[in-house]
Amino acid sequence: MGAILEIIVSMLGGLALFLYGMRMMSNGLELTAGNSMKSILEKLTSSRIVSIFVGAAVTALVQSSSATTVMLVSFVGSSIMSLEQAVWIIMGANIGATMTNMLTALNISMVASMLAIIGVIAIVFIKKPKVTHIGFILAGLGILFIGMELMSAAVLPLREFEAFHNIMSTFTNPLIGVLFGAVFTAIIQSSSASIGILQSLSVTGAISMNSSLYLIFGMNIGTCITAALASIGANSDAKRTAMIHFLFNVISTVIFVVLIQFIPFAQWMQASSLDPKVQIGNANVVFKAVSVLMLFPFGNQLVKLSRLLIRGEEDKKPLLSEVGVDRFGGVGASAVVVTSFERAIDYMAQMVSDNLNLSLHALIYHEEKHCEELYEREKKINACRKEIGDYMNRISSLELSEHDAEVVLSYFKITTDLERLGDHAKNLMGYVSDEPLNPEATAELTVLASFFKDAIGCFYRQNMDENEEYLHVEEIERRVDRLTQSYQEEQLQRLKEKVCSPAQCVIYVNALVDIERVFDHLMNIVEECRDHHYYLMGHGEVQEVAAAC
């Protein structure tokens, strides 16, 4: 009993290192790529073949198809990517996941140790962020291989136990083999790790290649649990992404279970190498590659089937409360966070702009008919700002690169200025309930309103140089400062000359104070936009986000 316990503990220790190495690699890639992962995928997913290669490459880098599919669930759920794009990357991810088991089948103990040493040196002694992030990737890969070696060494004594041989013999039944592989992988949430354990067990000689095949098929189904968990509470398209991953592996398994009853697939894999570990790695590669070739013509049908199985209307662009990136970090988290903030800013900016235009128009023409509309929109602005604050708390545990963290903080500052602009619009509307302004004041307000429209236009002119935009708004802000000061003095003079009433003077002077502060906040926003090359409504999705609200 003591020997069995020692084997189990040693194997679990190796598994822990294996999984931790995978997590380090995933975090290292996220810190290295960050939000650029979104633009990389957008540029490289123009064709199906390229998308498959991208999925394979990303998965090979993070050594986990689960990490890639969770990223896709987040991307599709946040409308960064469509289902039609994701299906091909999912196929590629299934191929890329085989890289881990091909590498672990090789005897590279010296290389593993060197990778871990180089990675740790980069993390501990080199203070440059980029080098540190690459260090996480190298150290993670080395630790992954060391964990695999520990598992292999731990299970070797099992070859002496008859009970172990009896258990392994039960997996000759296809149903039992597939179910066990699926359940086991669902528990540890990594097909790479479970197939790695299978490779370790193969050296004992207690498990046949035929049984190994059924386990491999089941393990590839079991790995779908991670994406399924990531889609819980997300929108319909996110759930459909997880469903496509599941359908791909289930359909592939059914085809291969039937196929190997008629062809000597197990014998072919045994003939491919003398090393049982390599045989299993080869079997997994062939299974995945042939599955992609068979299902490649039916990618769009998989999308349609996922929509048939998961009913629901086409999702609008999600609000921050619907973005579940804080539950599952990893690769792609930065892209989802940054894009979510951009959409929230776009939505707030449109409402603020509408309210400011409405309040200025109402004050100039003394109209109160749209007062309730403005106040309702102001409530939405405040609610959106509160949601953004809650979202900041939710994502605080995510590992973002230094640059992406700065971008998120900058966007948070923009939302603060937008909320203040909304307050000033409300103040301006509040002045309308009093008596109308004198004609001179309304004429001056019309001039200021034209400056406001000119300043707002800078945020949407994507062909304007960032510095040119900044200087233009800065000049507008200076002119407005001079004009508001001048207009205040002129109104006070008009009061002395009894051209306007005291009430009209007070209303106008207060309105000028609010307008001057509006341009101060606009200047703050344009500074942040310039620093991060961001334009309001840069995605053209404001109306869709508004509809989702």
Protein backbone atom coordinates (compact mmCIF):
# COMPACT_ATOMS: atom_id res chain seq x y z
CA MET A 1 0.00 0.00 0.00
CA GLY A 2 2.86 2.36 0.86
CA ALA A 3 4.45 1.74 -2.55
CA ILE A 4 1.20 2.57 -4.36
CA LEU A 5 0.79 5.77 -2.33
CA GLU A 6 4.36 6.79 -3.15
CA ILE A 7 3.73 6.21 -6.88
CA ILE A 8 0.51 8.27 -6.79
CA VAL A 9 2.12 11.17 -4.91
CA SER A 10 5.13 11.20 -7.25
CA MET A 11 2.91 11.11 -10.33
CA LEU A 12 0.70 13.93 -8.99
CA GLY A 13 3.83 15.96 -8.27
CA GLY A 14 4.97 15.52 -11.87
CA LEU A 15 1.46 16.41 -13.09
CA ALA A 16 1.51 19.58 -10.96
CA LEU A 17 4.78 20.68 -12.55
CA PHE A 18 3.43 19.82 -16.01
CA LEU A 19 0.29 21.94 -15.55
CA TYR A 20 2.19 24.78 -13.87
CA GLY A 21 4.66 24.86 -16.78
CA MET A 22 1.75 25.16 -19.20
CA ARG A 23 0.27 28.01 -17.14
CA MET A 24 3.62 29.85 -17.07
CA MET A 25 3.92 29.60 -20.84
CA SER A 26 0.37 30.88 -21.33
CA ASN A 27 0.96 33.83 -18.99
CA GLY A 28 4.29 34.60 -20.64
CA LEU A 29 2.71 34.71 -24.09
CA GLU A 30 -0.13 36.94 -22.83
CA LEU A 31 2.34 39.37 -21.25
CA THR A 32 4.45 39.36 -24.42
CA ALA A 33 1.63 39.72 -26.95
CA GLY A 34 -1.08 41.40 -24.84
CA ASN A 35 -3.65 43.38 -26.78
CA SER A 36 -1.66 42.90 -30.00
CA MET A 37 -3.05 39.34 -30.06
CA LYS A 38 -6.31 40.84 -31.32
CA SER A 39 -4.71 42.69 -34.26
CA ILE A 40 -2.55 39.67 -35.10
CA LEU A 41 -5.59 37.40 -35.35
CA GLU A 42 -7.60 40.02 -37.27
CA LYS A 43 -4.84 40.28 -39.89
CA LEU A 44 -4.11 36.56 -40.17
CA THR A 45 -7.62 35.07 -40.19
CA SER A 46 -8.57 36.29 -43.65
CA SER A 47 -8.46 32.76 -45.11
CA ARG A 48 -9.43 29.35 -43.74
CA ILE A 49 -6.05 27.74 -44.34
CA VAL A 50 -4.17 30.63 -42.70
CA SER A 51 -6.59 30.54 -39.75
CA ILE A 52 -5.85 26.84 -39.20
CA PHE A 53 -2.11 27.53 -39.20
CA VAL A 54 -2.63 30.46 -36.79
CA GLY A 55 -4.62 28.25 -34.42
CA ALA A 56 -1.93 25.55 -34.58
CA ALA A 57 0.89 28.05 -34.00
CA VAL A 58 -0.75 29.81 -31.04
CA THR A 59 -1.61 26.47 -29.41
CA ALA A 60 1.90 25.13 -29.98
CA LEU A 61 3.27 28.23 -28.23
CA VAL A 62 1.02 27.96 -25.17
CA GLN A 63 1.10 24.14 -25.27
CA SER A 64 -2.64 23.97 -24.61
CA SER A 65 -5.68 23.82 -26.88
CA SER A 66 -7.76 24.65 -23.80
CA ALA A 67 -6.00 28.03 -23.48
CA THR A 68 -6.60 28.77 -27.16
CA THR A 69 -10.29 27.81 -27.08
CA VAL A 70 -10.90 29.82 -23.90
CA MET A 71 -9.33 32.79 -25.71
CA LEU A 72 -11.68 32.20 -28.64
CA VAL A 73 -14.70 31.96 -26.32
CA SER A 74 -13.73 35.36 -24.88
CA PHE A 75 -13.06 36.87 -28.33
CA VAL A 76 -16.31 35.65 -29.88
CA GLY A 77 -18.28 36.50 -26.73
CA SER A 78 -16.87 40.04 -26.87
CA SER A 79 -17.51 40.27 -30.65
CA ILE A 80 -13.80 40.70 -31.41
CA MET A 81 -14.11 37.68 -33.69
CA SER A 82 -16.98 35.92 -35.46
CA LEU A 83 -17.95 32.26 -35.16
CA GLU A 84 -17.08 31.84 -38.83
CA GLN A 85 -13.50 32.90 -38.06
CA ALA A 86 -13.22 30.92 -34.83
CA VAL A 87 -14.16 27.53 -36.30
CA TRP A 88 -10.97 27.34 -38.38
CA ILE A 89 -8.75 28.42 -35.48
CA ILE A 90 -10.37 25.69 -33.35
CA MET A 91 -9.39 23.13 -35.99
CA GLY A 92 -5.83 24.46 -35.98
CA ALA A 93 -5.74 24.42 -32.17
CA ASN A 94 -6.48 20.69 -32.21
CA ILE A 95 -3.41 20.12 -34.38
CA GLY A 96 -1.21 22.49 -32.34
CA ALA A 97 -2.09 20.64 -29.12
CA THR A 98 -0.22 17.57 -30.38
CA MET A 99 3.09 19.44 -30.25
CA THR A 100 3.34 18.99 -26.48
CA ASN A 101 3.07 15.22 -26.62
CA MET A 102 5.46 14.96 -29.57
CA LEU A 103 8.08 16.93 -27.62
CA THR A 104 7.53 15.08 -24.35
CA ALA A 105 7.98 11.79 -26.19
CA LEU A 106 11.58 12.78 -26.92
CA ASN A 107 14.42 12.29 -24.46
CA ILE A 108 15.34 15.92 -23.90
CA SER A 109 16.06 16.00 -20.16
CA MET A 110 19.20 18.11 -20.64
CA VAL A 111 17.35 20.55 -22.90
CA ALA A 112 14.48 20.79 -20.41
CA SER A 113 16.83 21.69 -17.59
CA MET A 114 18.63 24.27 -19.72
CA LEU A 115 15.33 25.89 -20.76
CA ALA A 116 14.24 26.12 -17.12
CA ILE A 117 17.60 27.59 -16.06
CA ILE A 118 17.64 30.19 -18.87
CA GLY A 119 14.04 31.13 -18.14
CA VAL A 120 14.61 31.55 -14.41
CA ILE A 121 17.74 33.67 -15.02
CA ALA A 122 15.69 35.93 -17.33
CA ILE A 123 12.93 36.25 -14.71
CA VAL A 124 15.12 36.80 -11.64
CA PHE A 125 18.15 38.73 -12.89
CA ILE A 126 17.07 40.66 -16.00
CA LYS A 127 14.75 43.54 -15.24
CA LYS A 128 13.57 44.28 -18.79
CA PRO A 129 9.84 43.39 -18.99
CA LYS A 130 10.03 41.85 -22.49
CA VAL A 131 12.94 39.60 -21.50
CA THR A 132 11.15 38.61 -18.29
CA HIS A 133 8.03 37.63 -20.24
CA ILE A 134 10.07 35.48 -22.63
CA GLY A 135 11.69 33.98 -19.53
CA PHE A 136 8.26 32.84 -18.34
CA ILE A 137 7.73 31.05 -21.66
CA LEU A 138 11.14 29.28 -21.55
CA ALA A 139 10.93 28.40 -17.86
CA GLY A 140 7.39 27.11 -18.33
CA LEU A 141 8.46 24.86 -21.20
CA GLY A 142 11.37 23.49 -19.17
CA ILE A 143 9.21 22.85 -16.08
CA LEU A 144 6.61 21.13 -18.30
CA PHE A 145 9.22 18.65 -19.57
CA ILE A 146 10.62 18.08 -16.08
CA GLY A 147 7.10 17.31 -14.86
CA MET A 148 6.69 14.79 -17.68
CA GLU A 149 9.91 13.05 -16.72
CA LEU A 150 8.80 12.84 -13.08
CA MET A 151 5.51 11.23 -14.15
CA SER A 152 7.33 8.71 -16.34
CA ALA A 153 9.71 7.75 -13.53
CA ALA A 154 6.87 7.53 -10.99
CA VAL A 155 4.74 5.01 -12.91
CA LEU A 156 7.51 2.59 -13.88
CA PRO A 157 7.02 0.41 -10.74
CA LEU A 158 3.37 -0.17 -11.76
CA ARG A 159 4.50 -2.80 -14.25
CA GLU A 160 4.97 -5.16 -11.29
CA PHE A 161 1.33 -4.93 -10.10
CA GLU A 162 -1.16 -7.44 -11.55
CA ALA A 163 -4.14 -5.28 -10.49
CA PHE A 164 -2.82 -2.46 -12.65
CA HIS A 165 -2.65 -4.79 -15.67
CA ASN A 166 -6.24 -5.91 -15.03
CA ILE A 167 -7.47 -2.30 -14.95
CA MET A 168 -5.66 -1.42 -18.15
CA SER A 169 -7.19 -4.41 -19.94
CA THR A 170 -10.72 -2.99 -19.45
CA PHE A 171 -9.95 -0.15 -21.84
CA THR A 172 -10.11 -2.49 -24.82
CA ASN A 173 -13.84 -1.76 -24.74
CA PRO A 174 -14.31 1.37 -26.93
CA LEU A 175 -17.09 2.87 -24.81
CA ILE A 176 -15.22 2.42 -21.52
CA GLY A 177 -11.97 3.73 -23.01
CA VAL A 178 -13.55 6.86 -24.51
CA LEU A 179 -15.63 7.62 -21.40
CA PHE A 180 -12.70 7.16 -19.01
CA GLY A 181 -10.43 9.33 -21.16
CA ALA A 182 -13.08 12.06 -21.36
CA VAL A 183 -13.88 12.08 -17.63
CA PHE A 184 -10.23 11.97 -16.56
CA THR A 185 -9.30 14.84 -18.87
CA ALA A 186 -12.35 16.85 -17.79
CA ILE A 187 -11.09 16.59 -14.20
CA ILE A 188 -7.55 17.83 -14.90
CA GLN A 189 -8.71 20.09 -17.80
CA SER A 190 -5.80 19.35 -20.11
CA SER A 191 -5.63 16.79 -22.90
CA SER A 192 -1.89 17.43 -23.20
CA ALA A 193 -1.42 16.44 -19.55
CA SER A 194 -3.72 13.39 -19.74
CA ILE A 195 -2.08 12.12 -22.93
CA GLY A 196 1.28 12.80 -21.26
CA ILE A 197 0.21 10.51 -18.40
CA LEU A 198 -0.85 7.92 -20.98
CA GLN A 199 2.59 8.16 -22.57
CA SER A 200 4.16 7.58 -19.16
CA LEU A 201 1.94 4.54 -18.55
CA SER A 202 2.80 3.15 -21.98
CA VAL A 203 6.36 2.41 -20.90
CA THR A 204 5.03 -0.15 -18.37
CA GLY A 205 3.77 -2.31 -21.25
CA ALA A 206 0.46 -2.86 -19.45
CA ILE A 207 -1.69 -0.92 -21.91
CA SER A 208 -2.10 -1.90 -25.55
CA MET A 209 -2.06 0.53 -28.47
CA ASN A 210 -5.67 -0.33 -29.25
CA SER A 211 -6.74 0.69 -25.71
CA SER A 212 -4.55 3.79 -25.92
CA LEU A 213 -6.41 4.92 -29.04
CA TYR A 214 -9.80 4.87 -27.29
CA LEU A 215 -8.33 6.78 -24.37
CA ILE A 216 -6.81 9.38 -26.74
CA PHE A 217 -10.18 9.88 -28.43
CA GLY A 218 -11.90 10.38 -25.07
CA MET A 219 -9.17 12.70 -23.80
CA ASN A 220 -9.72 15.01 -26.75
CA ILE A 221 -13.42 15.18 -25.89
CA GLY A 222 -12.71 15.79 -22.20
CA THR A 223 -10.54 18.83 -22.92
CA CYS A 224 -13.67 20.64 -24.19
CA ILE A 225 -14.79 21.11 -20.57
CA THR A 226 -12.50 24.13 -20.09
CA ALA A 227 -14.08 26.10 -22.94
CA ALA A 228 -17.52 25.02 -21.75
CA LEU A 229 -16.80 26.40 -18.26
CA ALA A 230 -15.48 29.63 -19.78
CA SER A 231 -18.77 30.09 -21.66
CA ILE A 232 -20.99 29.77 -18.57
CA GLY A 233 -22.83 33.05 -18.08
CA ALA A 234 -21.54 34.38 -21.40
CA ASN A 235 -23.65 35.24 -24.44
CA SER A 236 -24.97 32.79 -27.03
CA ASP A 237 -22.07 33.14 -29.46
CA ALA A 238 -19.55 32.37 -26.71
CA LYS A 239 -21.49 29.19 -25.89
CA ARG A 240 -21.60 28.31 -29.59
CA THR A 241 -17.81 28.59 -29.77
CA ALA A 242 -17.45 26.02 -26.98
CA MET A 243 -20.06 23.86 -28.74
CA ILE A 244 -18.11 23.91 -32.02
CA HIS A 245 -15.02 22.67 -30.16
CA PHE A 246 -17.09 19.88 -28.58
CA LEU A 247 -18.78 18.91 -31.87
CA PHE A 248 -15.46 18.76 -33.70
CA ASN A 249 -13.98 16.30 -31.20
CA VAL A 250 -17.12 14.17 -30.79
CA ILE A 251 -17.66 13.80 -34.55
CA SER A 252 -13.95 13.00 -35.03
CA THR A 253 -14.08 10.37 -32.30
CA VAL A 254 -17.19 8.67 -33.71
CA ILE A 255 -15.62 8.51 -37.18
CA PHE A 256 -12.33 7.08 -35.89
CA VAL A 257 -13.92 4.55 -33.52
CA VAL A 258 -15.82 3.15 -36.51
CA LEU A 259 -12.84 3.47 -38.83
CA ILE A 260 -10.34 1.52 -36.71
CA GLN A 261 -12.68 -1.46 -36.70
CA PHE A 262 -11.88 -1.89 -40.40
CA ILE A 263 -8.28 -0.73 -40.73
CA PRO A 264 -5.15 -1.78 -38.77
CA PHE A 265 -4.58 1.73 -37.39
CA ALA A 266 -3.07 0.48 -34.11
CA GLN A 267 -0.53 -1.68 -35.98
CA TRP A 268 0.44 1.25 -38.18
CA MET A 269 1.15 3.40 -35.14
CA GLN A 270 3.20 0.63 -33.52
CA ALA A 271 5.24 0.31 -36.69
CA SER A 272 5.94 4.08 -36.68
CA SER A 273 8.44 3.80 -33.77
CA LEU A 274 9.92 1.42 -31.22
CA ASP A 275 9.24 3.88 -28.38
CA PRO A 276 5.68 3.54 -26.96
CA LYS A 277 5.67 7.27 -26.07
CA VAL A 278 6.38 8.23 -29.67
CA GLN A 279 3.75 5.77 -30.91
CA ILE A 280 1.07 7.50 -28.80
CA GLY A 281 2.28 10.92 -29.87
CA ASN A 282 2.12 9.85 -33.52
CA ALA A 283 -1.37 8.40 -33.06
CA ASN A 284 -2.58 11.69 -31.59
CA VAL A 285 -1.05 13.70 -34.46
CA VAL A 286 -2.58 11.47 -37.14
CA PHE A 287 -5.97 11.49 -35.38
CA LYS A 288 -6.04 15.30 -35.19
CA ALA A 289 -4.63 15.95 -38.66
CA VAL A 290 -6.98 13.50 -40.39
CA SER A 291 -9.92 14.88 -38.38
CA VAL A 292 -9.16 18.41 -39.63
CA LEU A 293 -8.88 17.15 -43.23
CA MET A 294 -12.20 15.31 -42.95
CA LEU A 295 -14.13 18.15 -41.29
CA PHE A 296 -12.47 21.05 -43.14
CA PRO A 297 -15.16 21.14 -45.88
CA PHE A 298 -17.86 21.23 -43.18
CA GLY A 299 -16.65 24.15 -41.05
CA ASN A 300 -19.61 26.35 -41.92
CA GLN A 301 -21.96 23.44 -41.22
CA LEU A 302 -20.44 23.14 -37.72
CA VAL A 303 -21.26 26.84 -37.18
CA LYS A 304 -24.85 26.29 -38.38
CA LEU A 305 -25.21 23.20 -36.17
CA SER A 306 -23.97 25.14 -33.13
CA ARG A 307 -26.60 27.81 -33.82
CA LEU A 308 -29.25 25.11 -34.18
CA LEU A 309 -28.28 23.50 -30.86
CA ILE A 310 -27.91 26.79 -28.98
CA ARG A 311 -30.91 28.91 -29.83
CA GLY A 312 -31.09 32.64 -29.35
CA GLU A 313 -31.02 35.87 -31.28
CA GLU A 314 -27.79 37.15 -32.75
CA ASP A 315 -25.95 38.83 -29.90
CA LYS A 316 -25.38 42.57 -29.82
CA LYS A 317 -22.03 43.93 -28.70
CA PRO A 318 -21.85 42.95 -25.02
CA LEU A 319 -21.71 45.33 -22.11
CA LEU A 320 -18.87 45.09 -19.60
CA SER A 321 -21.08 43.14 -17.19
CA GLU A 322 -21.40 40.39 -19.82
CA VAL A 323 -17.66 40.03 -20.46
CA GLY A 324 -16.35 37.09 -18.45
CA VAL A 325 -12.63 37.57 -19.00
CA ASP A 326 -12.03 38.06 -15.28
CA ARG A 327 -13.06 34.44 -14.62
CA PHE A 328 -10.54 32.98 -17.03
CA GLY A 329 -7.37 34.96 -17.69
CA GLY A 330 -4.64 33.73 -19.98
CA VAL A 331 -3.98 34.38 -23.64
CA GLY A 332 -6.23 37.04 -25.16
CA ALA A 333 -7.36 38.56 -21.85
CA SER A 334 -5.74 41.93 -22.61
CA ALA A 335 -7.45 42.16 -26.00
CA VAL A 336 -10.86 41.53 -24.45
CA VAL A 337 -10.27 44.03 -21.64
CA VAL A 338 -8.99 46.80 -23.94
CA THR A 339 -11.74 46.26 -26.52
CA SER A 340 -14.40 46.21 -23.80
CA PHE A 341 -13.17 49.56 -22.50
CA GLU A 342 -13.11 51.03 -26.01
CA ARG A 343 -16.72 50.03 -26.58
CA ALA A 344 -17.78 51.42 -23.21
CA ILE A 345 -16.01 54.71 -23.99
CA ASP A 346 -17.64 54.86 -27.43
CA TYR A 347 -21.06 54.30 -25.90
CA MET A 348 -20.56 56.88 -23.15
CA ALA A 349 -19.05 59.42 -25.55
CA GLN A 350 -22.03 59.21 -27.90
CA MET A 351 -24.50 59.77 -25.05
CA VAL A 352 -22.44 62.63 -23.59
CA SER A 353 -22.12 64.29 -27.00
CA ASP A 354 -25.88 64.00 -27.56
CA ASN A 355 -26.62 65.48 -24.13
CA LEU A 356 -24.24 68.41 -24.58
CA ASN A 357 -25.64 69.24 -28.01
CA LEU A 358 -29.17 68.93 -26.66
CA SER A 359 -28.52 71.10 -23.59
CA LEU A 360 -26.78 73.85 -25.61
CA HIS A 361 -29.61 73.87 -28.15
CA ALA A 362 -32.21 73.97 -25.37
CA LEU A 363 -30.42 76.84 -23.62
CA ILE A 364 -30.04 78.88 -26.82
CA TYR A 365 -33.64 78.39 -27.97
CA HIS A 366 -35.19 78.05 -24.50
CA GLU A 367 -36.77 74.64 -25.20
CA GLU A 368 -37.60 72.17 -22.43
CA LYS A 369 -39.35 69.51 -24.50
CA HIS A 370 -36.30 67.18 -24.53
CA CYS A 371 -35.48 67.64 -20.86
CA GLU A 372 -36.63 64.15 -19.77
CA GLU A 373 -34.72 62.55 -22.65
CA LEU A 374 -31.51 64.20 -21.43
CA TYR A 375 -32.05 63.15 -17.80
CA GLU A 376 -32.72 59.54 -18.83
CA ARG A 377 -29.52 59.50 -20.84
CA GLU A 378 -27.64 61.01 -17.89
CA LYS A 379 -28.80 58.08 -15.73
CA LYS A 380 -27.37 55.68 -18.32
CA ILE A 381 -24.08 57.59 -18.37
CA ASN A 382 -23.77 57.30 -14.58
CA ALA A 383 -24.76 53.61 -14.65
CA CYS A 384 -22.17 52.92 -17.35
CA ARG A 385 -19.47 54.69 -15.33
CA LYS A 386 -20.36 52.64 -12.24
CA GLU A 387 -20.20 49.46 -14.30
CA ILE A 388 -16.76 50.47 -15.57
CA GLY A 389 -15.59 50.98 -11.97
CA ASP A 390 -16.88 47.52 -11.04
CA TYR A 391 -15.15 46.07 -14.11
CA MET A 392 -11.85 47.65 -13.04
CA ASN A 393 -12.13 45.80 -9.73
CA ARG A 394 -12.97 42.55 -11.50
CA ILE A 395 -9.93 42.65 -13.80
CA SER A 396 -7.47 43.75 -11.12
CA SER A 397 -6.26 40.16 -10.68
CA LEU A 398 -5.43 39.71 -14.38
CA GLU A 399 -1.81 39.79 -15.48
CA LEU A 400 -1.66 42.56 -18.08
CA SER A 401 1.50 43.81 -19.74
CA GLU A 402 2.82 47.16 -18.54
CA HIS A 403 1.66 48.84 -21.76
CA ASP A 404 -1.85 47.34 -21.66
CA ALA A 405 -2.21 48.24 -17.98
CA GLU A 406 -1.35 51.85 -18.86
CA VAL A 407 -3.91 51.83 -21.69
CA VAL A 408 -6.65 50.51 -19.38
CA LEU A 409 -5.83 53.15 -16.76
CA SER A 410 -5.89 55.84 -19.44
CA TYR A 411 -9.30 54.64 -20.66
CA PHE A 412 -10.57 54.69 -17.09
CA LYS A 413 -9.50 58.35 -16.84
CA ILE A 414 -11.40 59.09 -20.07
CA THR A 415 -14.60 57.62 -18.62
CA THR A 416 -14.16 59.87 -15.56
CA ASP A 417 -13.96 62.95 -17.80
CA LEU A 418 -16.95 61.74 -19.82
CA GLU A 419 -19.01 61.43 -16.66
CA ARG A 420 -18.05 64.99 -15.67
CA LEU A 421 -19.10 66.19 -19.14
CA GLY A 422 -22.46 64.52 -18.60
CA ASP A 423 -22.85 66.41 -15.31
CA HIS A 424 -22.15 69.73 -17.05
CA ALA A 425 -24.73 68.92 -19.74
CA LYS A 426 -27.26 68.30 -16.97
CA ASN A 427 -26.32 71.63 -15.34
CA LEU A 428 -26.81 73.48 -18.64
CA MET A 429 -30.24 71.91 -19.11
CA GLY A 430 -31.12 72.98 -15.57
CA TYR A 431 -30.71 76.64 -16.54
CA VAL A 432 -33.42 76.34 -19.21
CA SER A 433 -36.24 76.27 -16.66
CA ASP A 434 -35.53 79.90 -15.75
CA GLU A 435 -36.35 82.89 -17.98
CA PRO A 436 -34.92 83.03 -21.55
CA LEU A 437 -31.48 84.53 -22.09
CA ASN A 438 -31.08 87.96 -23.62
CA PRO A 439 -30.42 87.97 -27.41
CA GLU A 440 -26.76 88.98 -27.03
CA ALA A 441 -26.09 85.99 -24.78
CA THR A 442 -27.81 83.51 -27.12
CA ALA A 443 -25.71 84.82 -30.03
CA GLU A 444 -22.52 84.28 -28.03
CA LEU A 445 -23.67 80.81 -26.94
CA THR A 446 -24.18 79.89 -30.60
CA VAL A 447 -20.51 80.70 -31.25
CA LEU A 448 -19.41 78.52 -28.32
CA ALA A 449 -21.66 75.67 -29.51
CA SER A 450 -19.92 75.73 -32.91
CA PHE A 451 -16.53 75.40 -31.17
CA PHE A 452 -17.87 72.40 -29.24
CA LYS A 453 -18.92 70.65 -32.46
CA ASP A 454 -15.51 71.35 -34.00
CA ALA A 455 -13.68 69.92 -30.96
CA ILE A 456 -15.86 66.80 -30.85
CA GLY A 457 -15.23 66.22 -34.55
CA CYS A 458 -11.50 65.74 -33.86
CA PHE A 459 -12.19 62.50 -32.01
CA TYR A 460 -13.71 60.95 -35.12
CA ARG A 461 -11.25 62.14 -37.78
CA GLN A 462 -9.05 59.07 -38.05
CA ASN A 463 -7.05 60.58 -40.91
CA MET A 464 -5.86 63.44 -38.70
CA ASP A 465 -2.40 63.23 -37.17
CA GLU A 466 -2.57 62.74 -33.38
CA ASN A 467 -0.38 65.75 -32.69
CA GLU A 468 -2.30 67.88 -35.19
CA GLU A 469 -5.54 66.87 -33.47
CA TYR A 470 -4.10 67.74 -30.05
CA LEU A 471 -2.90 71.15 -31.18
CA HIS A 472 -6.23 71.89 -32.85
CA VAL A 473 -8.26 71.11 -29.72
CA GLU A 474 -5.72 72.93 -27.57
CA GLU A 475 -6.20 76.06 -29.71
CA ILE A 476 -10.00 75.70 -29.46
CA GLU A 477 -9.75 75.35 -25.66
CA ARG A 478 -7.63 78.52 -25.41
CA ARG A 479 -10.05 80.49 -27.57
CA VAL A 480 -12.99 79.28 -25.51
CA ASP A 481 -11.20 80.32 -22.29
CA ARG A 482 -10.68 83.81 -23.71
CA LEU A 483 -14.23 84.04 -25.04
CA THR A 484 -15.94 82.83 -21.85
CA GLN A 485 -13.95 85.35 -19.84
CA SER A 486 -14.83 88.09 -22.33
CA TYR A 487 -18.51 87.07 -22.50
CA GLN A 488 -18.80 87.13 -18.69
CA GLU A 489 -17.43 90.66 -18.58
CA GLU A 490 -19.74 91.78 -21.41
CA GLN A 491 -22.80 90.29 -19.70
CA LEU A 492 -21.92 92.04 -16.46
CA GLN A 493 -21.60 95.26 -18.43
CA ARG A 494 -25.00 94.63 -19.98
CA LEU A 495 -26.42 94.16 -16.48
CA LYS A 496 -25.04 97.56 -15.45
CA GLU A 497 -26.60 99.09 -18.55
CA LYS A 498 -29.89 97.28 -17.77
CA VAL A 499 -29.78 95.50 -21.17
CA CYS A 500 -30.35 92.17 -19.36
CA SER A 501 -32.04 91.26 -16.10
CA PRO A 502 -30.14 90.04 -12.99
CA ALA A 503 -31.61 86.55 -13.49
CA GLN A 504 -30.40 86.45 -17.10
CA CYS A 505 -26.95 87.57 -15.99
CA VAL A 506 -26.67 84.87 -13.30
CA ILE A 507 -27.91 82.12 -15.65
CA TYR A 508 -25.51 83.09 -18.42
CA VAL A 509 -22.44 83.50 -16.18
CA ASN A 510 -23.10 80.09 -14.60
CA ALA A 511 -23.58 78.55 -18.03
CA LEU A 512 -20.26 80.02 -19.20
CA VAL A 513 -18.50 78.45 -16.21
CA ASP A 514 -19.91 75.03 -17.16
CA ILE A 515 -18.98 75.49 -20.83
CA GLU A 516 -15.41 76.48 -19.93
CA ARG A 517 -15.10 73.31 -17.84
CA VAL A 518 -16.56 71.23 -20.67
CA PHE A 519 -13.61 72.21 -22.85
CA ASP A 520 -11.16 71.46 -20.02
CA HIS A 521 -12.48 67.89 -19.87
CA LEU A 522 -12.40 67.60 -23.67
CA MET A 523 -8.73 68.62 -23.53
CA ASN A 524 -8.05 65.90 -20.94
CA ILE A 525 -9.70 63.32 -23.19
CA VAL A 526 -7.81 64.33 -26.32
CA GLU A 527 -4.51 64.05 -24.42
CA GLU A 528 -5.29 60.46 -23.44
CA CYS A 529 -6.48 59.63 -26.96
CA ARG A 530 -3.30 61.03 -28.46
CA ASP A 531 -1.05 59.06 -26.11
CA HIS A 532 -2.68 55.74 -27.09
CA HIS A 533 -3.63 56.45 -30.74
CA TYR A 534 -7.30 55.95 -29.93
CA TYR A 535 -10.33 57.53 -31.60
CA LEU A 536 -13.81 57.60 -30.16
CA MET A 537 -16.20 55.42 -32.13
CA GLY A 538 -13.16 53.92 -33.83
CA HIS A 539 -15.02 50.65 -34.33
CA GLY A 540 -18.26 52.15 -35.62
CA GLU A 541 -20.22 50.05 -33.14
CA VAL A 542 -21.80 52.67 -30.90
CA GLN A 543 -25.33 52.12 -32.12
CA GLU A 544 -25.02 48.34 -31.72
CA VAL A 545 -23.73 48.71 -28.16
CA ALA A 546 -26.47 51.20 -27.39
CA ALA A 547 -29.05 48.73 -28.67
CA ALA A 548 -27.63 46.08 -26.32
CA CYS A 549 -28.38 48.36 -23.39
